[in-house]
Amino acid sequence: MVNKMGYQGEGEAFFELSNEVLRRRKKHICFRARGRSMSPFIRDGEIIEIVPIDIKKIKSGDIIFYRSNSKKLVIHRVIKRILENGKIVFITKGDFSPTFDQCIHSNNVLGKVVAVKKKNRIIRFDKGLMRLLNVLWAKVSPFNPWSYPPLRIVKQWVYRILRFIGLPISLTIRTGLLS
């Protein structure tokens, strides 16, 4: 969702910087996402936070930041994790994309998206209800053209229930992102 979808910076320079910060220095990075391939979870222009990740801890439903086989930087959801010749390979897909990406080898993964800033709130993808929603989305992703309307209704009902019982809707932790 970055360079592939219209990231404005220098592709190779941004890759080198991201690689240095995430892999070597083990720090998080934040930047503005470009494109619509991850809509509705990540929309064009929203700020995302990416953290370094141990490849063995990436699971179905996680959103990863990687370098594609065509050298483009991409942010897509892990649909499946498989073992190929003793190495971990990921099958990924943009939430709004009708097709799956090529298999992504673990050495091309730079980090994991853990949060997105939407207007004035921060939504964490790695905890609680959003983690569960990410896993469910990965399961229904092959059928996504049909899944948007019913899932939008489910989201509205979840928000109504949360408001009714008095829980904060954002369910977020304001640490790390843009600090």
Foldseek 3Di string as FASTA:
>chain_A
DAQVQPHPDDLVVVVVVLQCVAPVVQAKDKDFHHHDLQPPVHHHGWIWIWGHDDLVPDAFLWWFWFQAPVRGTDTFGFLHWDADPNFIWTWTGRLNDQDIGPIHGPVGTRTTTQWIDDPPAIAGCCDDPNVVVSNVSSVCSNVRVVPVVVVVVVLVVVQVVCVVVVHDNRPDDPPDPPD
